[in-house]
Amino acid sequence: MGGGVAITLAARHPERVQRLVAVAAGLYPITELPPLARLALLPVVGGYLARFGLTRREFGRACRAQSVRDGRCLDDDWIDYFWARLQRAGGQDAAHSCLLRMTAAADNNGDPGRVRAPTLIVWGDEDRLVPLGHGRRLVRAIAGARLEIVPASGHMPFIERPDEFLRVVRPFLAAPAAPLAETPIPPRRAHSVTAQ
């Protein structure tokens, strides 16, 4: 959900963002879900299934099937790395909460329309997690935004097609940017001092 978080930050704190690159940003409701994710959304048992029903093998299979176009680009070391982080205290609960939020996101989110930073939206042409239509919608909502579609790629073009990803991102980040607007310093509140 990093892309959605970055867009929200750019919208709500424009003085902190000079340039914005959002990759397959999950900002609008996700409606197409794999069967295991749909089970995790069930009332009462969904949280239990999310916490205890996912094995490392199923996690690896799901990542390879849903996150990328070609599952061979996610080797066992990659799966082990992210599986280990999911197993940290609170990891499964956080992942479940993320799933709940992605499916219940507001369809009328106004944050994209408030982004003022030059924005590049990057999407894999075969993203199975967050539909490319969401990227097209973001480009319409963010003034002056540009959409770059990475061919033959799923949800993670930076992993699946790193050279193509960098080909579109590097020039965008290297272009001169306007200086950040200074954050206004809030006025000091008047303090009443009582003489002793």
C-alpha atoms as a PDB file:
ATOM      1  CA  MET A   1       0.000   0.000   0.000  1.00  0.00           C
ATOM      2  CA  GLY A   2       3.033   2.269  -0.285  1.00  0.00           C
ATOM      3  CA  GLY A   3       1.745   4.026  -3.394  1.00  0.00           C
ATOM      4  CA  GLY A   4      -1.541   4.897  -1.722  1.00  0.00           C
ATOM      5  CA  VAL A   5       0.280   6.135   1.382  1.00  0.00           C
ATOM      6  CA  ALA A   6       2.598   8.281  -0.771  1.00  0.00           C
ATOM      7  CA  ILE A   7      -0.341   9.854  -2.620  1.00  0.00           C
ATOM      8  CA  THR A   8      -2.086  10.573   0.683  1.00  0.00           C
ATOM      9  CA  LEU A   9       1.071  12.199   2.063  1.00  0.00           C
ATOM     10  CA  ALA A  10       1.519  14.321  -1.085  1.00  0.00           C
ATOM     11  CA  ALA A  11      -2.118  15.432  -0.878  1.00  0.00           C
ATOM     12  CA  ARG A  12      -2.168  16.276   2.804  1.00  0.00           C
ATOM     13  CA  HIS A  13       1.368  17.646   3.184  1.00  0.00           C
ATOM     14  CA  PRO A  14       2.294  19.092  -0.214  1.00  0.00           C
ATOM     15  CA  GLU A  15       5.187  21.063   1.258  1.00  0.00           C
ATOM     16  CA  ARG A  16       7.010  17.769   1.905  1.00  0.00           C
ATOM     17  CA  VAL A  17       6.863  16.312  -1.609  1.00  0.00           C
ATOM     18  CA  GLN A  18       8.849  17.580  -4.603  1.00  0.00           C
ATOM     19  CA  ARG A  19       8.165  14.638  -6.914  1.00  0.00           C
ATOM     20  CA  LEU A  20       5.938  11.607  -6.553  1.00  0.00           C
ATOM     21  CA  VAL A  21       6.307   8.154  -8.093  1.00  0.00           C
ATOM     22  CA  ALA A  22       3.457   5.802  -7.222  1.00  0.00           C
ATOM     23  CA  VAL A  23       3.651   2.183  -8.362  1.00  0.00           C
ATOM     24  CA  ALA A  24       0.375   0.246  -8.649  1.00  0.00           C
ATOM     25  CA  ALA A  25      -1.108   2.392  -5.888  1.00  0.00           C
ATOM     26  CA  GLY A  26      -3.953   0.768  -3.964  1.00  0.00           C
ATOM     27  CA  LEU A  27      -6.136   3.766  -3.257  1.00  0.00           C
ATOM     28  CA  TYR A  28      -9.534   2.676  -4.539  1.00  0.00           C
ATOM     29  CA  PRO A  29     -11.505  -0.436  -3.503  1.00  0.00           C
ATOM     30  CA  ILE A  30     -10.158  -3.773  -4.728  1.00  0.00           C
ATOM     31  CA  THR A  31     -13.012  -6.035  -5.775  1.00  0.00           C
ATOM     32  CA  GLU A  32     -11.341  -8.927  -7.627  1.00  0.00           C
ATOM     33  CA  LEU A  33      -9.723 -11.168  -5.035  1.00  0.00           C
ATOM     34  CA  PRO A  34      -8.248 -14.669  -5.076  1.00  0.00           C
ATOM     35  CA  PRO A  35     -10.231 -17.313  -3.152  1.00  0.00           C
ATOM     36  CA  LEU A  36      -7.941 -17.321  -0.093  1.00  0.00           C
ATOM     37  CA  ALA A  37      -8.270 -13.551   0.304  1.00  0.00           C
ATOM     38  CA  ARG A  38     -12.070 -13.791   0.020  1.00  0.00           C
ATOM     39  CA  LEU A  39     -12.061 -16.361   2.840  1.00  0.00           C
ATOM     40  CA  ALA A  40      -9.982 -14.002   4.988  1.00  0.00           C
ATOM     41  CA  LEU A  41     -12.734 -11.393   4.631  1.00  0.00           C
ATOM     42  CA  LEU A  42     -15.395 -13.597   6.212  1.00  0.00           C
ATOM     43  CA  PRO A  43     -16.781 -12.259   9.492  1.00  0.00           C
ATOM     44  CA  VAL A  44     -15.469 -13.926  12.644  1.00  0.00           C
ATOM     45  CA  VAL A  45     -13.401 -16.680  10.992  1.00  0.00           C
ATOM     46  CA  GLY A  46     -11.592 -14.395   8.518  1.00  0.00           C
ATOM     47  CA  GLY A  47      -9.140 -13.026  11.065  1.00  0.00           C
ATOM     48  CA  TYR A  48      -8.407 -16.512  12.368  1.00  0.00           C
ATOM     49  CA  LEU A  49      -7.807 -17.826   8.843  1.00  0.00           C
ATOM     50  CA  ALA A  50      -5.543 -14.870   8.047  1.00  0.00           C
ATOM     51  CA  ARG A  51      -3.496 -15.464  11.187  1.00  0.00           C
ATOM     52  CA  PHE A  52      -3.248 -19.241  11.218  1.00  0.00           C
ATOM     53  CA  GLY A  53      -4.452 -20.555   7.863  1.00  0.00           C
ATOM     54  CA  LEU A  54      -1.633 -19.329   5.649  1.00  0.00           C
ATOM     55  CA  THR A  55       1.400 -21.573   5.284  1.00  0.00           C
ATOM     56  CA  ARG A  56       4.733 -20.531   3.822  1.00  0.00           C
ATOM     57  CA  ARG A  57       4.031 -22.749   0.819  1.00  0.00           C
ATOM     58  CA  GLU A  58       0.622 -21.143   0.187  1.00  0.00           C
ATOM     59  CA  PHE A  59       2.130 -17.685   0.688  1.00  0.00           C
ATOM     60  CA  GLY A  60       4.785 -18.409  -1.938  1.00  0.00           C
ATOM     61  CA  ARG A  61       2.228 -19.817  -4.348  1.00  0.00           C
ATOM     62  CA  ALA A  62      -0.048 -16.801  -3.896  1.00  0.00           C
ATOM     63  CA  CYS A  63       2.804 -14.304  -4.380  1.00  0.00           C
ATOM     64  CA  ARG A  64       3.935 -16.019  -7.561  1.00  0.00           C
ATOM     65  CA  ALA A  65       0.382 -16.281  -8.906  1.00  0.00           C
ATOM     66  CA  GLN A  66      -0.883 -12.814  -7.964  1.00  0.00           C
ATOM     67  CA  SER A  67       2.031 -10.394  -7.574  1.00  0.00           C
ATOM     68  CA  VAL A  68       3.916 -10.958 -10.805  1.00  0.00           C
ATOM     69  CA  ARG A  69       3.255 -12.016 -14.372  1.00  0.00           C
ATOM     70  CA  ASP A  70       6.004 -14.653 -14.312  1.00  0.00           C
ATOM     71  CA  GLY A  71       6.284 -16.370 -10.921  1.00  0.00           C
ATOM     72  CA  ARG A  72       9.820 -17.536 -11.676  1.00  0.00           C
ATOM     73  CA  CYS A  73      11.140 -14.044 -10.879  1.00  0.00           C
ATOM     74  CA  LEU A  74      10.279 -14.587  -7.192  1.00  0.00           C
ATOM     75  CA  ASP A  75      12.852 -17.100  -6.007  1.00  0.00           C
ATOM     76  CA  ASP A  76      12.748 -18.938  -2.687  1.00  0.00           C
ATOM     77  CA  ASP A  77      15.060 -16.382  -1.067  1.00  0.00           C
ATOM     78  CA  TRP A  78      12.589 -13.605  -1.910  1.00  0.00           C
ATOM     79  CA  ILE A  79       9.640 -15.628  -0.573  1.00  0.00           C
ATOM     80  CA  ASP A  80      11.582 -16.519   2.599  1.00  0.00           C
ATOM     81  CA  TYR A  81      12.517 -12.864   3.171  1.00  0.00           C
ATOM     82  CA  PHE A  82       8.915 -11.650   3.076  1.00  0.00           C
ATOM     83  CA  TRP A  83       7.539 -14.713   4.850  1.00  0.00           C
ATOM     84  CA  ALA A  84       9.939 -14.053   7.758  1.00  0.00           C
ATOM     85  CA  ARG A  85       8.644 -10.487   8.036  1.00  0.00           C
ATOM     86  CA  LEU A  86       5.057 -11.673   7.955  1.00  0.00           C
ATOM     87  CA  GLN A  87       5.869 -13.967  10.899  1.00  0.00           C
ATOM     88  CA  ARG A  88       7.029 -11.111  13.123  1.00  0.00           C
ATOM     89  CA  ALA A  89       4.764 -10.167  16.012  1.00  0.00           C
ATOM     90  CA  GLY A  90       1.649  -8.557  14.574  1.00  0.00           C
ATOM     91  CA  GLY A  91       2.610  -9.372  10.972  1.00  0.00           C
ATOM     92  CA  GLN A  92      -0.431 -11.473  10.096  1.00  0.00           C
ATOM     93  CA  ASP A  93      -2.777  -9.040  11.821  1.00  0.00           C
ATOM     94  CA  ALA A  94      -1.265  -6.146   9.871  1.00  0.00           C
ATOM     95  CA  ALA A  95      -1.610  -8.041   6.577  1.00  0.00           C
ATOM     96  CA  HIS A  96      -5.229  -8.872   7.386  1.00  0.00           C
ATOM     97  CA  SER A  97      -5.953  -5.260   8.297  1.00  0.00           C
ATOM     98  CA  CYS A  98      -4.371  -4.170   5.014  1.00  0.00           C
ATOM     99  CA  LEU A  99      -6.624  -6.563   3.093  1.00  0.00           C
ATOM    100  CA  LEU A 100      -9.702  -5.263   4.913  1.00  0.00           C
ATOM    101  CA  ARG A 101      -8.767  -1.659   4.126  1.00  0.00           C
ATOM    102  CA  MET A 102      -8.027  -2.367   0.465  1.00  0.00           C
ATOM    103  CA  THR A 103     -11.453  -3.894  -0.043  1.00  0.00           C
ATOM    104  CA  ALA A 104     -13.288  -1.239   1.980  1.00  0.00           C
ATOM    105  CA  ALA A 105     -11.450   1.821   0.622  1.00  0.00           C
ATOM    106  CA  ALA A 106     -13.576   4.832  -0.216  1.00  0.00           C
ATOM    107  CA  ASP A 107     -14.452   4.911  -3.897  1.00  0.00           C
ATOM    108  CA  ASN A 108     -14.700   8.704  -3.765  1.00  0.00           C
ATOM    109  CA  ASN A 109     -11.271   9.368  -2.202  1.00  0.00           C
ATOM    110  CA  GLY A 110     -10.508  13.034  -2.819  1.00  0.00           C
ATOM    111  CA  ASP A 111      -6.801  12.903  -1.969  1.00  0.00           C
ATOM    112  CA  PRO A 112      -5.560  12.339  -5.540  1.00  0.00           C
ATOM    113  CA  GLY A 113      -7.220  15.580  -6.637  1.00  0.00           C
ATOM    114  CA  ARG A 114      -5.229  17.508  -4.010  1.00  0.00           C
ATOM    115  CA  VAL A 115      -1.773  16.312  -5.140  1.00  0.00           C
ATOM    116  CA  ARG A 116       0.295  19.209  -6.519  1.00  0.00           C
ATOM    117  CA  ALA A 117       3.712  17.571  -6.953  1.00  0.00           C
ATOM    118  CA  PRO A 118       4.776  16.380 -10.411  1.00  0.00           C
ATOM    119  CA  THR A 119       3.553  12.782 -10.418  1.00  0.00           C
ATOM    120  CA  LEU A 120       4.513   9.638 -12.291  1.00  0.00           C
ATOM    121  CA  ILE A 121       2.166   6.676 -11.989  1.00  0.00           C
ATOM    122  CA  VAL A 122       3.786   3.331 -12.925  1.00  0.00           C
ATOM    123  CA  TRP A 123       1.780   0.155 -13.515  1.00  0.00           C
ATOM    124  CA  GLY A 124       2.416  -3.343 -14.810  1.00  0.00           C
ATOM    125  CA  ASP A 125       0.220  -4.120 -17.790  1.00  0.00           C
ATOM    126  CA  GLU A 126      -0.824  -7.444 -16.241  1.00  0.00           C
ATOM    127  CA  ASP A 127      -1.331  -6.422 -12.613  1.00  0.00           C
ATOM    128  CA  ARG A 128      -3.617  -9.011 -10.985  1.00  0.00           C
ATOM    129  CA  LEU A 129      -3.792  -7.303  -7.582  1.00  0.00           C
ATOM    130  CA  VAL A 130      -4.618  -3.682  -8.366  1.00  0.00           C
ATOM    131  CA  PRO A 131      -6.254  -3.236 -11.777  1.00  0.00           C
ATOM    132  CA  LEU A 132      -4.628  -0.983 -14.368  1.00  0.00           C
ATOM    133  CA  GLY A 133      -7.943   0.895 -14.496  1.00  0.00           C
ATOM    134  CA  HIS A 134      -7.060   2.292 -11.062  1.00  0.00           C
ATOM    135  CA  GLY A 135      -3.895   3.783 -12.566  1.00  0.00           C
ATOM    136  CA  ARG A 136      -5.849   5.373 -15.385  1.00  0.00           C
ATOM    137  CA  ARG A 137      -8.264   6.796 -12.837  1.00  0.00           C
ATOM    138  CA  LEU A 138      -5.409   8.261 -10.771  1.00  0.00           C
ATOM    139  CA  VAL A 139      -3.921   9.952 -13.835  1.00  0.00           C
ATOM    140  CA  ARG A 140      -7.246  11.660 -14.473  1.00  0.00           C
ATOM    141  CA  ALA A 141      -7.525  12.717 -10.823  1.00  0.00           C
ATOM    142  CA  ILE A 142      -3.979  14.077 -10.314  1.00  0.00           C
ATOM    143  CA  ALA A 143      -3.365  17.256 -12.277  1.00  0.00           C
ATOM    144  CA  GLY A 144      -0.542  16.821 -14.787  1.00  0.00           C
ATOM    145  CA  ALA A 145       0.188  13.211 -13.776  1.00  0.00           C
ATOM    146  CA  ARG A 146       1.678  10.825 -16.299  1.00  0.00           C
ATOM    147  CA  LEU A 147       1.021   7.079 -16.526  1.00  0.00           C
ATOM    148  CA  GLU A 148       3.786   4.707 -17.628  1.00  0.00           C
ATOM    149  CA  ILE A 149       2.750   1.118 -18.248  1.00  0.00           C
ATOM    150  CA  VAL A 150       5.509  -1.473 -17.935  1.00  0.00           C
ATOM    151  CA  PRO A 151       4.853  -4.254 -20.459  1.00  0.00           C
ATOM    152  CA  ALA A 152       4.886  -7.947 -19.538  1.00  0.00           C
ATOM    153  CA  SER A 153       4.745  -7.148 -15.840  1.00  0.00           C
ATOM    154  CA  GLY A 154       2.448  -7.700 -12.890  1.00  0.00           C
ATOM    155  CA  HIS A 155       2.029  -5.793  -9.627  1.00  0.00           C
ATOM    156  CA  MET A 156       5.763  -5.398  -8.989  1.00  0.00           C
ATOM    157  CA  PRO A 157       7.426  -4.084 -12.167  1.00  0.00           C
ATOM    158  CA  PHE A 158      10.451  -2.950 -10.124  1.00  0.00           C
ATOM    159  CA  ILE A 159      11.175  -6.619  -9.373  1.00  0.00           C
ATOM    160  CA  GLU A 160       9.901  -8.239 -12.538  1.00  0.00           C
ATOM    161  CA  ARG A 161      11.208  -5.712 -15.092  1.00  0.00           C
ATOM    162  CA  PRO A 162      13.750  -3.574 -13.192  1.00  0.00           C
ATOM    163  CA  ASP A 163      15.532  -2.201 -16.288  1.00  0.00           C
ATOM    164  CA  GLU A 164      12.267  -1.071 -17.870  1.00  0.00           C
ATOM    165  CA  PHE A 165      11.083   0.325 -14.545  1.00  0.00           C
ATOM    166  CA  LEU A 166      14.268   2.376 -14.104  1.00  0.00           C
ATOM    167  CA  ARG A 167      14.098   3.537 -17.734  1.00  0.00           C
ATOM    168  CA  VAL A 168      10.846   5.383 -16.963  1.00  0.00           C
ATOM    169  CA  VAL A 169      11.524   6.423 -13.367  1.00  0.00           C
ATOM    170  CA  ARG A 170      15.108   7.752 -13.510  1.00  0.00           C
ATOM    171  CA  PRO A 171      14.485  10.600 -15.997  1.00  0.00           C
ATOM    172  CA  PHE A 172      11.399  11.663 -14.081  1.00  0.00           C
ATOM    173  CA  LEU A 173      13.319  11.854 -10.800  1.00  0.00           C
ATOM    174  CA  ALA A 174      16.319  13.552 -12.425  1.00  0.00           C
ATOM    175  CA  ALA A 175      14.290  16.424 -13.897  1.00  0.00           C
ATOM    176  CA  PRO A 176      14.621  19.733 -12.033  1.00  0.00           C
ATOM    177  CA  ALA A 177      11.906  20.264  -9.474  1.00  0.00           C
ATOM    178  CA  ALA A 178      10.516  23.385  -7.954  1.00  0.00           C
ATOM    179  CA  PRO A 179      11.800  23.968  -4.414  1.00  0.00           C
ATOM    180  CA  LEU A 180       9.604  22.756  -1.615  1.00  0.00           C
ATOM    181  CA  ALA A 181       7.264  25.360  -0.227  1.00  0.00           C
ATOM    182  CA  GLU A 182       8.276  26.227   3.269  1.00  0.00           C
ATOM    183  CA  THR A 183       6.076  24.869   5.998  1.00  0.00           C
ATOM    184  CA  PRO A 184       4.585  27.809   7.827  1.00  0.00           C
ATOM    185  CA  ILE A 185       5.620  28.059  11.435  1.00  0.00           C
ATOM    186  CA  PRO A 186       2.502  28.037  13.600  1.00  0.00           C
ATOM    187  CA  PRO A 187       2.085  31.152  15.729  1.00  0.00           C
ATOM    188  CA  ARG A 188       2.964  30.736  19.346  1.00  0.00           C
ATOM    189  CA  ARG A 189       0.021  30.522  21.640  1.00  0.00           C
ATOM    190  CA  ALA A 190      -0.181  33.266  24.174  1.00  0.00           C
ATOM    191  CA  HIS A 191       0.699  32.003  27.587  1.00  0.00           C
ATOM    192  CA  SER A 192      -0.600  33.704  30.676  1.00  0.00           C
ATOM    193  CA  VAL A 193       2.096  33.961  33.245  1.00  0.00           C
ATOM    194  CA  THR A 194       1.108  34.501  36.821  1.00  0.00           C
ATOM    195  CA  ALA A 195       3.626  36.398  38.898  1.00  0.00           C
ATOM    196  CA  GLN A 196       4.485  34.767  42.154  1.00  0.00           C
END
